[in-house]
Full PDB file with SEQRES, HELIX, SHEET, SSBOND, CRYST1, ORIGX, SCALE, CONECT and MASTER records, all heavy atoms in Angstrom:
SEQRES   1 A   40  VAL GLU ILE CYS ARG ARG VAL TRP ARG ARG GLU THR LEU          
SEQRES   2 A   40  VAL PHE GLU GLY GLU ARG TYR ARG ILE PRO LEU PRO PRO          
SEQRES   3 A   40  ASP ARG GLY THR GLY LEU GLY LYS PRO LEU LYS LEU ILE          
SEQRES   4 A   40  ASN                                                          
HELIX    1 AA1 GLU A    2  TRP A    8  1                                   7    
HELIX    2 AA2 PRO A   26  ARG A   28  5                                   3    
SHEET    1 AA1 2 PHE A  15  GLU A  16  0                                        
SHEET    2 AA1 2 ARG A  21  ILE A  22 -1                                        
CRYST1    1.000    1.000    1.000  90.00  90.00  90.00 P 1           1          
ORIGX1      1.000000  0.000000  0.000000        0.00000                         
ORIGX2      0.000000  1.000000  0.000000        0.00000                         
ORIGX3      0.000000  0.000000  1.000000        0.00000                         
SCALE1      1.000000  0.000000  0.000000        0.00000                         
SCALE2      0.000000  1.000000  0.000000        0.00000                         
SCALE3      0.000000  0.000000  1.000000        0.00000                         
ATOM      1  N   VAL A   1       9.678   1.903  -0.857  1.00  0.00           N  
ATOM      2  CA  VAL A   1       9.056   1.081   0.223  1.00  0.00           C  
ATOM      3  C   VAL A   1       9.838   1.161   1.429  1.00  0.00           C  
ATOM      4  O   VAL A   1       9.315   1.310   2.527  1.00  0.00           O  
ATOM      5  CB  VAL A   1       8.748  -0.305  -0.336  1.00  0.00           C  
ATOM      6  CG1 VAL A   1       8.447  -1.280   0.775  1.00  0.00           C  
ATOM      7  CG2 VAL A   1       7.725  -0.318  -1.435  1.00  0.00           C  
ATOM      8  N   GLU A   2      11.186   0.973   1.413  1.00  0.00           N  
ATOM      9  CA  GLU A   2      11.946   1.009   2.567  1.00  0.00           C  
ATOM     10  C   GLU A   2      11.986   2.355   3.259  1.00  0.00           C  
ATOM     11  O   GLU A   2      11.865   2.480   4.456  1.00  0.00           O  
ATOM     12  CB  GLU A   2      13.440   0.624   2.056  1.00  0.00           C  
ATOM     13  CG  GLU A   2      14.427   0.729   3.293  1.00  0.00           C  
ATOM     14  CD  GLU A   2      14.033  -0.236   4.436  1.00  0.00           C  
ATOM     15  OE1 GLU A   2      13.425  -1.209   4.203  1.00  0.00           O  
ATOM     16  OE2 GLU A   2      14.456   0.184   5.586  1.00  0.00           O  
ATOM     17  N   ILE A   3      12.045   3.433   2.458  1.00  0.00           N  
ATOM     18  CA  ILE A   3      12.016   4.780   3.044  1.00  0.00           C  
ATOM     19  C   ILE A   3      10.684   5.028   3.764  1.00  0.00           C  
ATOM     20  O   ILE A   3      10.707   5.483   4.888  1.00  0.00           O  
ATOM     21  CB  ILE A   3      12.248   5.836   1.969  1.00  0.00           C  
ATOM     22  CG1 ILE A   3      13.780   5.706   1.442  1.00  0.00           C  
ATOM     23  CG2 ILE A   3      12.108   7.191   2.554  1.00  0.00           C  
ATOM     24  CD1 ILE A   3      14.033   6.490   0.262  1.00  0.00           C  
ATOM     25  N   CYS A   4       9.536   4.707   3.170  1.00  0.00           N  
ATOM     26  CA  CYS A   4       8.290   4.854   3.888  1.00  0.00           C  
ATOM     27  C   CYS A   4       8.233   4.110   5.140  1.00  0.00           C  
ATOM     28  O   CYS A   4       7.810   4.669   6.149  1.00  0.00           O  
ATOM     29  CB  CYS A   4       7.178   4.265   2.873  1.00  0.00           C  
ATOM     30  SG  CYS A   4       6.704   5.287   1.510  1.00  0.00           S  
ATOM     31  N   ARG A   5       8.604   2.858   5.165  1.00  0.00           N  
ATOM     32  CA  ARG A   5       8.641   2.082   6.469  1.00  0.00           C  
ATOM     33  C   ARG A   5       9.539   2.784   7.488  1.00  0.00           C  
ATOM     34  O   ARG A   5       9.142   2.752   8.706  1.00  0.00           O  
ATOM     35  CB  ARG A   5       8.960   0.741   6.170  1.00  0.00           C  
ATOM     36  CG  ARG A   5       7.827   0.047   5.484  1.00  0.00           C  
ATOM     37  CD  ARG A   5       8.139  -1.421   5.038  1.00  0.00           C  
ATOM     38  NE  ARG A   5       6.915  -2.076   4.501  1.00  0.00           N  
ATOM     39  CZ  ARG A   5       6.897  -3.098   3.652  1.00  0.00           C  
ATOM     40  NH1 ARG A   5       8.134  -3.585   3.207  1.00  0.00           N  
ATOM     41  NH2 ARG A   5       5.773  -3.623   3.194  1.00  0.00           N  
ATOM     42  N   ARG A   6      10.594   3.326   7.147  1.00  0.00           N  
ATOM     43  CA  ARG A   6      11.496   3.997   8.056  1.00  0.00           C  
ATOM     44  C   ARG A   6      10.799   5.217   8.675  1.00  0.00           C  
ATOM     45  O   ARG A   6      10.783   5.575   9.836  1.00  0.00           O  
ATOM     46  CB  ARG A   6      12.832   4.313   7.489  1.00  0.00           C  
ATOM     47  CG  ARG A   6      13.715   3.198   7.111  1.00  0.00           C  
ATOM     48  CD  ARG A   6      15.032   3.533   6.724  1.00  0.00           C  
ATOM     49  NE  ARG A   6      15.919   2.529   6.313  1.00  0.00           N  
ATOM     50  CZ  ARG A   6      17.134   2.585   5.933  1.00  0.00           C  
ATOM     51  NH1 ARG A   6      17.820   3.723   6.157  1.00  0.00           N  
ATOM     52  NH2 ARG A   6      17.875   1.530   5.517  1.00  0.00           N  
ATOM     53  N   VAL A   7      10.114   6.045   7.709  1.00  0.00           N  
ATOM     54  CA  VAL A   7       9.447   7.271   8.211  1.00  0.00           C  
ATOM     55  C   VAL A   7       8.323   6.899   9.143  1.00  0.00           C  
ATOM     56  O   VAL A   7       8.203   7.570  10.222  1.00  0.00           O  
ATOM     57  CB  VAL A   7       8.895   8.006   6.946  1.00  0.00           C  
ATOM     58  CG1 VAL A   7       7.949   9.098   7.444  1.00  0.00           C  
ATOM     59  CG2 VAL A   7      10.005   8.558   6.122  1.00  0.00           C  
ATOM     60  N   TRP A   8       7.557   5.860   8.825  1.00  0.00           N  
ATOM     61  CA  TRP A   8       6.513   5.464   9.708  1.00  0.00           C  
ATOM     62  C   TRP A   8       6.898   4.964  11.031  1.00  0.00           C  
ATOM     63  O   TRP A   8       6.213   5.110  12.127  1.00  0.00           O  
ATOM     64  CB  TRP A   8       5.603   4.355   9.061  1.00  0.00           C  
ATOM     65  CG  TRP A   8       4.986   4.808   7.779  1.00  0.00           C  
ATOM     66  CD1 TRP A   8       4.577   6.202   7.448  1.00  0.00           C  
ATOM     67  CD2 TRP A   8       4.719   4.006   6.616  1.00  0.00           C  
ATOM     68  NE1 TRP A   8       4.077   6.119   6.190  1.00  0.00           N  
ATOM     69  CE2 TRP A   8       4.102   4.926   5.657  1.00  0.00           C  
ATOM     70  CE3 TRP A   8       4.725   2.741   6.356  1.00  0.00           C  
ATOM     71  CZ2 TRP A   8       3.654   4.501   4.393  1.00  0.00           C  
ATOM     72  CZ3 TRP A   8       4.305   2.240   5.133  1.00  0.00           C  
ATOM     73  CH2 TRP A   8       3.774   3.068   4.139  1.00  0.00           C  
ATOM     74  N   ARG A   9       8.150   4.457  11.135  1.00  0.00           N  
ATOM     75  CA  ARG A   9       8.749   3.992  12.439  1.00  0.00           C  
ATOM     76  C   ARG A   9       9.350   5.190  13.212  1.00  0.00           C  
ATOM     77  O   ARG A   9       9.957   4.988  14.270  1.00  0.00           O  
ATOM     78  CB  ARG A   9       9.789   2.938  12.223  1.00  0.00           C  
ATOM     79  CG  ARG A   9       9.208   1.622  11.674  1.00  0.00           C  
ATOM     80  CD  ARG A   9      10.219   0.486  11.753  1.00  0.00           C  
ATOM     81  NE  ARG A   9      11.434   0.703  10.956  1.00  0.00           N  
ATOM     82  CZ  ARG A   9      11.578   0.138   9.807  1.00  0.00           C  
ATOM     83  NH1 ARG A   9      10.687  -0.592   9.195  1.00  0.00           N  
ATOM     84  NH2 ARG A   9      12.740   0.361   9.105  1.00  0.00           N  
ATOM     85  N   ARG A  10       9.332   6.347  12.571  1.00  0.00           N  
ATOM     86  CA  ARG A  10       9.787   7.539  13.124  1.00  0.00           C  
ATOM     87  C   ARG A  10      11.291   7.515  13.317  1.00  0.00           C  
ATOM     88  O   ARG A  10      11.851   8.026  14.319  1.00  0.00           O  
ATOM     89  CB  ARG A  10       9.092   8.031  14.418  1.00  0.00           C  
ATOM     90  CG  ARG A  10       7.589   8.272  14.195  1.00  0.00           C  
ATOM     91  CD  ARG A  10       6.976   8.986  15.395  1.00  0.00           C  
ATOM     92  NE  ARG A  10       7.359  10.245  15.585  1.00  0.00           N  
ATOM     93  CZ  ARG A  10       7.981  10.778  16.698  1.00  0.00           C  
ATOM     94  NH1 ARG A  10       8.265   9.904  17.669  1.00  0.00           N  
ATOM     95  NH2 ARG A  10       8.285  12.111  16.799  1.00  0.00           N  
ATOM     96  N   GLU A  11      12.024   6.827  12.438  1.00  0.00           N  
ATOM     97  CA  GLU A  11      13.490   6.838  12.495  1.00  0.00           C  
ATOM     98  C   GLU A  11      14.064   8.146  12.026  1.00  0.00           C  
ATOM     99  O   GLU A  11      13.412   8.805  11.095  1.00  0.00           O  
ATOM    100  CB  GLU A  11      14.031   5.713  11.623  1.00  0.00           C  
ATOM    101  CG  GLU A  11      13.651   4.298  12.106  1.00  0.00           C  
ATOM    102  CD  GLU A  11      14.287   3.238  11.203  1.00  0.00           C  
ATOM    103  OE1 GLU A  11      15.112   3.534  10.341  1.00  0.00           O  
ATOM    104  OE2 GLU A  11      13.826   2.047  11.351  1.00  0.00           O  
ATOM    105  N   THR A  12      15.084   8.602  12.658  1.00  0.00           N  
ATOM    106  CA  THR A  12      15.801   9.789  12.022  1.00  0.00           C  
ATOM    107  C   THR A  12      16.323   9.292  10.621  1.00  0.00           C  
ATOM    108  O   THR A  12      17.092   8.303  10.583  1.00  0.00           O  
ATOM    109  CB  THR A  12      17.012  10.171  12.983  1.00  0.00           C  
ATOM    110  OG1 THR A  12      16.445  10.561  14.238  1.00  0.00           O  
ATOM    111  CG2 THR A  12      17.770  11.305  12.286  1.00  0.00           C  
ATOM    112  N   LEU A  13      15.901   9.900   9.610  1.00  0.00           N  
ATOM    113  CA  LEU A  13      16.061   9.343   8.205  1.00  0.00           C  
ATOM    114  C   LEU A  13      17.390   9.660   7.655  1.00  0.00           C  
ATOM    115  O   LEU A  13      17.719  10.823   7.377  1.00  0.00           O  
ATOM    116  CB  LEU A  13      14.922   9.809   7.357  1.00  0.00           C  
ATOM    117  CG  LEU A  13      14.803   9.163   5.980  1.00  0.00           C  
ATOM    118  CD1 LEU A  13      14.578   7.602   6.137  1.00  0.00           C  
ATOM    119  CD2 LEU A  13      13.803   9.787   5.178  1.00  0.00           C  
ATOM    120  N   VAL A  14      18.199   8.626   7.476  1.00  0.00           N  
ATOM    121  CA  VAL A  14      19.442   8.668   6.734  1.00  0.00           C  
ATOM    122  C   VAL A  14      19.400   7.464   5.838  1.00  0.00           C  
ATOM    123  O   VAL A  14      19.281   6.269   6.272  1.00  0.00           O  
ATOM    124  CB  VAL A  14      20.763   8.461   7.575  1.00  0.00           C  
ATOM    125  CG1 VAL A  14      21.915   8.551   6.779  1.00  0.00           C  
ATOM    126  CG2 VAL A  14      20.744   9.722   8.633  1.00  0.00           C  
ATOM    127  N   PHE A  15      19.372   7.790   4.528  1.00  0.00           N  
ATOM    128  CA  PHE A  15      19.225   6.652   3.508  1.00  0.00           C  
ATOM    129  C   PHE A  15      20.146   6.887   2.302  1.00  0.00           C  
ATOM    130  O   PHE A  15      20.193   7.982   1.741  1.00  0.00           O  
ATOM    131  CB  PHE A  15      17.788   6.637   2.953  1.00  0.00           C  
ATOM    132  CG  PHE A  15      17.426   5.452   2.133  1.00  0.00           C  
ATOM    133  CD1 PHE A  15      17.024   4.267   2.560  1.00  0.00           C  
ATOM    134  CD2 PHE A  15      17.553   5.612   0.679  1.00  0.00           C  
ATOM    135  CE1 PHE A  15      16.800   3.203   1.803  1.00  0.00           C  
ATOM    136  CE2 PHE A  15      17.380   4.519  -0.115  1.00  0.00           C  
ATOM    137  CZ  PHE A  15      17.022   3.268   0.415  1.00  0.00           C  
ATOM    138  N   GLU A  16      20.911   5.836   2.086  1.00  0.00           N  
ATOM    139  CA  GLU A  16      21.835   5.984   0.950  1.00  0.00           C  
ATOM    140  C   GLU A  16      21.613   4.709  -0.028  1.00  0.00           C  
ATOM    141  O   GLU A  16      22.065   3.616   0.154  1.00  0.00           O  
ATOM    142  CB  GLU A  16      23.281   5.921   1.471  1.00  0.00           C  
ATOM    143  CG  GLU A  16      23.659   7.106   2.307  1.00  0.00           C  
ATOM    144  CD  GLU A  16      25.173   7.154   2.598  1.00  0.00           C  
ATOM    145  OE1 GLU A  16      25.973   6.297   2.055  1.00  0.00           O  
ATOM    146  OE2 GLU A  16      25.560   8.005   3.432  1.00  0.00           O  
ATOM    147  N   GLY A  17      20.731   5.052  -0.978  1.00  0.00           N  
ATOM    148  CA  GLY A  17      20.422   3.988  -1.961  1.00  0.00           C  
ATOM    149  C   GLY A  17      21.025   4.277  -3.436  1.00  0.00           C  
ATOM    150  O   GLY A  17      21.736   5.367  -3.577  1.00  0.00           O  
ATOM    151  N   GLU A  18      20.663   3.510  -4.290  1.00  0.00           N  
ATOM    152  CA  GLU A  18      21.083   3.769  -5.656  1.00  0.00           C  
ATOM    153  C   GLU A  18      20.369   4.989  -6.230  1.00  0.00           C  
ATOM    154  O   GLU A  18      20.965   5.689  -7.093  1.00  0.00           O  
ATOM    155  CB  GLU A  18      20.920   2.533  -6.575  1.00  0.00           C  
ATOM    156  CG  GLU A  18      21.781   1.265  -6.126  1.00  0.00           C  
ATOM    157  CD  GLU A  18      21.386   0.037  -7.077  1.00  0.00           C  
ATOM    158  OE1 GLU A  18      20.719   0.347  -8.146  1.00  0.00           O  
ATOM    159  OE2 GLU A  18      21.835  -1.032  -6.820  1.00  0.00           O  
ATOM    160  N   ARG A  19      19.142   5.128  -5.933  1.00  0.00           N  
ATOM    161  CA  ARG A  19      18.300   6.213  -6.530  1.00  0.00           C  
ATOM    162  C   ARG A  19      18.001   7.354  -5.571  1.00  0.00           C  
ATOM    163  O   ARG A  19      17.731   8.424  -6.113  1.00  0.00           O  
ATOM    164  CB  ARG A  19      17.048   5.540  -7.032  1.00  0.00           C  
ATOM    165  CG  ARG A  19      17.258   4.454  -8.078  1.00  0.00           C  
ATOM    166  CD  ARG A  19      17.804   5.088  -9.319  1.00  0.00           C  
ATOM    167  NE  ARG A  19      18.374   4.002 -10.171  1.00  0.00           N  
ATOM    168  CZ  ARG A  19      18.956   4.169 -11.352  1.00  0.00           C  
ATOM    169  NH1 ARG A  19      18.896   5.486 -11.924  1.00  0.00           N  
ATOM    170  NH2 ARG A  19      19.490   3.287 -11.936  1.00  0.00           N  
ATOM    171  N   TYR A  20      17.992   7.112  -4.296  1.00  0.00           N  
ATOM    172  CA  TYR A  20      17.612   8.136  -3.345  1.00  0.00           C  
ATOM    173  C   TYR A  20      18.737   8.238  -2.310  1.00  0.00           C  
ATOM    174  O   TYR A  20      19.147   7.249  -1.738  1.00  0.00           O  
ATOM    175  CB  TYR A  20      16.283   7.885  -2.775  1.00  0.00           C  
ATOM    176  CG  TYR A  20      15.159   7.881  -3.698  1.00  0.00           C  
ATOM    177  CD1 TYR A  20      14.574   6.609  -4.116  1.00  0.00           C  
ATOM    178  CD2 TYR A  20      14.612   8.971  -4.277  1.00  0.00           C  
ATOM    179  CE1 TYR A  20      13.569   6.589  -5.036  1.00  0.00           C  
ATOM    180  CE2 TYR A  20      13.600   8.910  -5.179  1.00  0.00           C  
ATOM    181  CZ  TYR A  20      13.076   7.718  -5.529  1.00  0.00           C  
ATOM    182  OH  TYR A  20      11.991   7.722  -6.486  1.00  0.00           O  
ATOM    183  N   ARG A  21      19.126   9.540  -2.046  1.00  0.00           N  
ATOM    184  CA  ARG A  21      20.017   9.854  -0.962  1.00  0.00           C  
ATOM    185  C   ARG A  21      19.361  10.859  -0.082  1.00  0.00           C  
ATOM    186  O   ARG A  21      19.043  11.975  -0.482  1.00  0.00           O  
ATOM    187  CB  ARG A  21      21.388  10.369  -1.528  1.00  0.00           C  
ATOM    188  CG  ARG A  21      22.192   9.514  -2.447  1.00  0.00           C  
ATOM    189  CD  ARG A  21      22.893   8.380  -1.662  1.00  0.00           C  
ATOM    190  NE  ARG A  21      23.873   9.004  -0.767  1.00  0.00           N  
ATOM    191  CZ  ARG A  21      25.088   9.480  -1.118  1.00  0.00           C  
ATOM    192  NH1 ARG A  21      25.494   9.391  -2.380  1.00  0.00           N  
ATOM    193  NH2 ARG A  21      25.861  10.017  -0.216  1.00  0.00           N  
ATOM    194  N   ILE A  22      19.272  10.521   1.193  1.00  0.00           N  
ATOM    195  CA  ILE A  22      18.583  11.378   2.140  1.00  0.00           C  
ATOM    196  C   ILE A  22      19.466  11.360   3.449  1.00  0.00           C  
ATOM    197  O   ILE A  22      19.692  10.307   3.961  1.00  0.00           O  
ATOM    198  CB  ILE A  22      17.076  10.918   2.514  1.00  0.00           C  
ATOM    199  CG1 ILE A  22      16.344  10.796   1.180  1.00  0.00           C  
ATOM    200  CG2 ILE A  22      16.479  11.872   3.454  1.00  0.00           C  
ATOM    201  CD1 ILE A  22      14.958  10.166   1.385  1.00  0.00           C  
ATOM    202  N   PRO A  23      19.812  12.575   3.926  1.00  0.00           N  
ATOM    203  CA  PRO A  23      19.712  13.905   3.295  1.00  0.00           C  
ATOM    204  C   PRO A  23      20.477  14.016   2.013  1.00  0.00           C  
ATOM    205  O   PRO A  23      21.359  13.208   1.657  1.00  0.00           O  
ATOM    206  CB  PRO A  23      20.317  14.746   4.376  1.00  0.00           C  
ATOM    207  CG  PRO A  23      20.289  14.086   5.641  1.00  0.00           C  
ATOM    208  CD  PRO A  23      20.454  12.657   5.247  1.00  0.00           C  
ATOM    209  N   LEU A  24      20.213  14.978   1.292  1.00  0.00           N  
ATOM    210  CA  LEU A  24      20.907  15.250  -0.014  1.00  0.00           C  
ATOM    211  C   LEU A  24      22.390  15.512   0.287  1.00  0.00           C  
ATOM    212  O   LEU A  24      22.723  16.340   1.088  1.00  0.00           O  
ATOM    213  CB  LEU A  24      20.214  16.456  -0.734  1.00  0.00           C  
ATOM    214  CG  LEU A  24      20.665  16.596  -2.252  1.00  0.00           C  
ATOM    215  CD1 LEU A  24      20.056  15.449  -3.001  1.00  0.00           C  
ATOM    216  CD2 LEU A  24      20.103  17.911  -2.759  1.00  0.00           C  
ATOM    217  N   PRO A  25      23.276  14.860  -0.475  1.00  0.00           N  
ATOM    218  CA  PRO A  25      24.661  15.106  -0.232  1.00  0.00           C  
ATOM    219  C   PRO A  25      25.100  16.517  -0.456  1.00  0.00           C  
ATOM    220  O   PRO A  25      24.500  17.244  -1.318  1.00  0.00           O  
ATOM    221  CB  PRO A  25      25.414  14.099  -1.185  1.00  0.00           C  
ATOM    222  CG  PRO A  25      24.354  13.162  -1.594  1.00  0.00           C  
ATOM    223  CD  PRO A  25      23.071  13.787  -1.455  1.00  0.00           C  
ATOM    224  N   PRO A  26      26.108  17.120   0.252  1.00  0.00           N  
ATOM    225  CA  PRO A  26      26.538  18.439   0.093  1.00  0.00           C  
ATOM    226  C   PRO A  26      26.822  18.785  -1.430  1.00  0.00           C  
ATOM    227  O   PRO A  26      26.660  19.993  -1.845  1.00  0.00           O  
ATOM    228  CB  PRO A  26      27.731  18.602   0.953  1.00  0.00           C  
ATOM    229  CG  PRO A  26      27.575  17.558   1.998  1.00  0.00           C  
ATOM    230  CD  PRO A  26      26.805  16.387   1.258  1.00  0.00           C  
ATOM    231  N   ASP A  27      27.457  17.860  -2.159  1.00  0.00           N  
ATOM    232  CA  ASP A  27      27.820  18.199  -3.482  1.00  0.00           C  
ATOM    233  C   ASP A  27      26.664  18.257  -4.473  1.00  0.00           C  
ATOM    234  O   ASP A  27      26.780  18.647  -5.612  1.00  0.00           O  
ATOM    235  CB  ASP A  27      28.868  17.153  -4.057  1.00  0.00           C  
ATOM    236  CG  ASP A  27      28.334  15.786  -4.158  1.00  0.00           C  
ATOM    237  OD1 ASP A  27      27.259  15.585  -3.590  1.00  0.00           O  
ATOM    238  OD2 ASP A  27      29.066  14.945  -4.656  1.00  0.00           O  
ATOM    239  N   ARG A  28      25.398  17.983  -4.024  1.00  0.00           N  
ATOM    240  CA  ARG A  28      24.257  18.126  -4.836  1.00  0.00           C  
ATOM    241  C   ARG A  28      23.279  19.156  -4.387  1.00  0.00           C  
ATOM    242  O   ARG A  28      22.168  19.157  -4.854  1.00  0.00           O  
ATOM    243  CB  ARG A  28      23.532  16.630  -4.948  1.00  0.00           C  
ATOM    244  CG  ARG A  28      24.420  15.678  -5.628  1.00  0.00           C  
ATOM    245  CD  ARG A  28      23.787  14.300  -5.487  1.00  0.00           C  
ATOM    246  NE  ARG A  28      22.398  14.155  -5.864  1.00  0.00           N  
ATOM    247  CZ  ARG A  28      21.599  13.139  -5.592  1.00  0.00           C  
ATOM    248  NH1 ARG A  28      22.093  12.092  -5.005  1.00  0.00           N  
ATOM    249  NH2 ARG A  28      20.361  13.156  -5.932  1.00  0.00           N  
ATOM    250  N   GLY A  29      23.695  19.911  -3.364  1.00  0.00           N  
ATOM    251  CA  GLY A  29      22.844  20.977  -2.914  1.00  0.00           C  
ATOM    252  C   GLY A  29      23.484  21.983  -2.042  1.00  0.00           C  
ATOM    253  O   GLY A  29      24.784  22.210  -2.363  1.00  0.00           O  
ATOM    254  N   THR A  30      22.942  22.556  -1.020  1.00  0.00           N  
ATOM    255  CA  THR A  30      23.572  23.580  -0.247  1.00  0.00           C  
ATOM    256  C   THR A  30      24.513  22.976   0.793  1.00  0.00           C  
ATOM    257  O   THR A  30      25.375  23.799   1.263  1.00  0.00           O  
ATOM    258  CB  THR A  30      22.571  24.472   0.453  1.00  0.00           C  
ATOM    259  OG1 THR A  30      21.825  23.621   1.364  1.00  0.00           O  
ATOM    260  CG2 THR A  30      21.603  25.011  -0.607  1.00  0.00           C  
ATOM    261  N   GLY A  31      24.381  21.763   1.107  1.00  0.00           N  
ATOM    262  CA  GLY A  31      25.146  21.159   2.162  1.00  0.00           C  
ATOM    263  C   GLY A  31      24.515  21.474   3.525  1.00  0.00           C  
ATOM    264  O   GLY A  31      25.044  21.127   4.568  1.00  0.00           O  
ATOM    265  N   LEU A  32      23.287  22.021   3.581  1.00  0.00           N  
ATOM    266  CA  LEU A  32      22.620  22.349   4.864  1.00  0.00           C  
ATOM    267  C   LEU A  32      21.622  21.285   5.224  1.00  0.00           C  
ATOM    268  O   LEU A  32      20.894  21.484   6.289  1.00  0.00           O  
ATOM    269  CB  LEU A  32      21.942  23.660   4.746  1.00  0.00           C  
ATOM    270  CG  LEU A  32      22.939  24.906   4.454  1.00  0.00           C  
ATOM    271  CD1 LEU A  32      22.010  26.094   4.293  1.00  0.00           C  
ATOM    272  CD2 LEU A  32      23.902  25.068   5.566  1.00  0.00           C  
ATOM    273  N   GLY A  33      21.280  20.309   4.396  1.00  0.00           N  
ATOM    274  CA  GLY A  33      20.354  19.278   4.856  1.00  0.00           C  
ATOM    275  C   GLY A  33      20.763  18.596   6.052  1.00  0.00           C  
ATOM    276  O   GLY A  33      21.948  18.237   6.381  1.00  0.00           O  
ATOM    277  N   LYS A  34      19.907  18.269   6.978  1.00  0.00           N  
ATOM    278  CA  LYS A  34      20.032  17.505   8.173  1.00  0.00           C  
ATOM    279  C   LYS A  34      19.097  16.382   8.299  1.00  0.00           C  
ATOM    280  O   LYS A  34      17.957  16.458   7.905  1.00  0.00           O  
ATOM    281  CB  LYS A  34      20.028  18.530   9.291  1.00  0.00           C  
ATOM    282  CG  LYS A  34      18.649  19.120   9.518  1.00  0.00           C  
ATOM    283  CD  LYS A  34      18.611  19.998  10.747  1.00  0.00           C  
ATOM    284  CE  LYS A  34      18.712  19.218  12.070  1.00  0.00           C  
ATOM    285  NZ  LYS A  34      18.556  20.063  13.299  1.00  0.00           N  
ATOM    286  N   PRO A  35      19.551  15.236   8.973  1.00  0.00           N  
ATOM    287  CA  PRO A  35      18.626  14.166   9.109  1.00  0.00           C  
ATOM    288  C   PRO A  35      17.430  14.570   9.982  1.00  0.00           C  
ATOM    289  O   PRO A  35      17.707  15.200  11.034  1.00  0.00           O  
ATOM    290  CB  PRO A  35      19.529  13.091   9.806  1.00  0.00           C  
ATOM    291  CG  PRO A  35      20.885  13.453   9.404  1.00  0.00           C  
ATOM    292  CD  PRO A  35      20.852  14.907   9.389  1.00  0.00           C  
ATOM    293  N   LEU A  36      16.225  14.141   9.631  1.00  0.00           N  
ATOM    294  CA  LEU A  36      15.036  14.422  10.369  1.00  0.00           C  
ATOM    295  C   LEU A  36      14.191  13.224  10.510  1.00  0.00           C  
ATOM    296  O   LEU A  36      14.376  12.206   9.855  1.00  0.00           O  
ATOM    297  CB  LEU A  36      14.311  15.561   9.719  1.00  0.00           C  
ATOM    298  CG  LEU A  36      14.941  16.968   9.493  1.00  0.00           C  
ATOM    299  CD1 LEU A  36      14.146  17.869   8.588  1.00  0.00           C  
ATOM    300  CD2 LEU A  36      15.171  17.636  10.896  1.00  0.00           C  
ATOM    301  N   LYS A  37      13.268  13.328  11.406  1.00  0.00           N  
ATOM    302  CA  LYS A  37      12.214  12.299  11.593  1.00  0.00           C  
ATOM    303  C   LYS A  37      10.887  12.912  11.588  1.00  0.00           C  
ATOM    304  O   LYS A  37      10.679  14.055  11.774  1.00  0.00           O  
ATOM    305  CB  LYS A  37      12.473  11.375  12.875  1.00  0.00           C  
ATOM    306  CG  LYS A  37      12.162  12.129  14.104  1.00  0.00           C  
ATOM    307  CD  LYS A  37      12.439  11.100  15.302  1.00  0.00           C  
ATOM    308  CE  LYS A  37      12.198  11.815  16.548  1.00  0.00           C  
ATOM    309  NZ  LYS A  37      12.486  10.911  17.713  1.00  0.00           N  
ATOM    310  N   LEU A  38       9.912  11.994  11.242  1.00  0.00           N  
ATOM    311  CA  LEU A  38       8.485  12.613  11.166  1.00  0.00           C  
ATOM    312  C   LEU A  38       8.006  13.125  12.522  1.00  0.00           C  
ATOM    313  O   LEU A  38       8.223  12.598  13.609  1.00  0.00           O  
ATOM    314  CB  LEU A  38       7.555  11.454  10.793  1.00  0.00           C  
ATOM    315  CG  LEU A  38       6.064  11.761  10.517  1.00  0.00           C  
ATOM    316  CD1 LEU A  38       6.008  12.612   9.229  1.00  0.00           C  
ATOM    317  CD2 LEU A  38       5.202  10.513  10.411  1.00  0.00           C  
ATOM    318  N   ILE A  39       7.498  14.448  12.500  1.00  0.00           N  
ATOM    319  CA  ILE A  39       7.078  15.110  13.777  1.00  0.00           C  
ATOM    320  C   ILE A  39       5.936  14.255  14.386  1.00  0.00           C  
ATOM    321  O   ILE A  39       6.019  14.087  15.635  1.00  0.00           O  
ATOM    322  CB  ILE A  39       6.677  16.541  13.310  1.00  0.00           C  
ATOM    323  CG1 ILE A  39       7.821  17.427  12.955  1.00  0.00           C  
ATOM    324  CG2 ILE A  39       5.908  17.095  14.576  1.00  0.00           C  
ATOM    325  CD1 ILE A  39       7.433  18.760  12.468  1.00  0.00           C  
ATOM    326  N   ASN A  40       4.921  13.926  13.712  1.00  0.00           N  
ATOM    327  CA  ASN A  40       3.835  13.297  14.230  1.00  0.00           C  
ATOM    328  C   ASN A  40       4.107  11.839  14.511  1.00  0.00           C  
ATOM    329  O   ASN A  40       4.967  11.216  13.867  1.00  0.00           O  
ATOM    330  CB  ASN A  40       2.553  13.302  13.279  1.00  0.00           C  
ATOM    331  CG  ASN A  40       2.413  14.726  12.753  1.00  0.00           C  
ATOM    332  OD1 ASN A  40       3.009  15.191  11.768  1.00  0.00           O  
ATOM    333  ND2 ASN A  40       1.499  15.528  13.417  1.00  0.00           N  
TER     334      ASN A  40                                                      
MASTER        0    0    0    2    2    0    0    6  333    1    0    4          
END                                                                             
């Protein structure tokens, strides 16, 4: 719910929760993820 509301406000999305981390941390992926916001 919190992430959805941030996306709809067109915030540059950085979220660090217990269950979701956005962008994905480097140790869990390629390390190339970057904060983005909804284009529209």
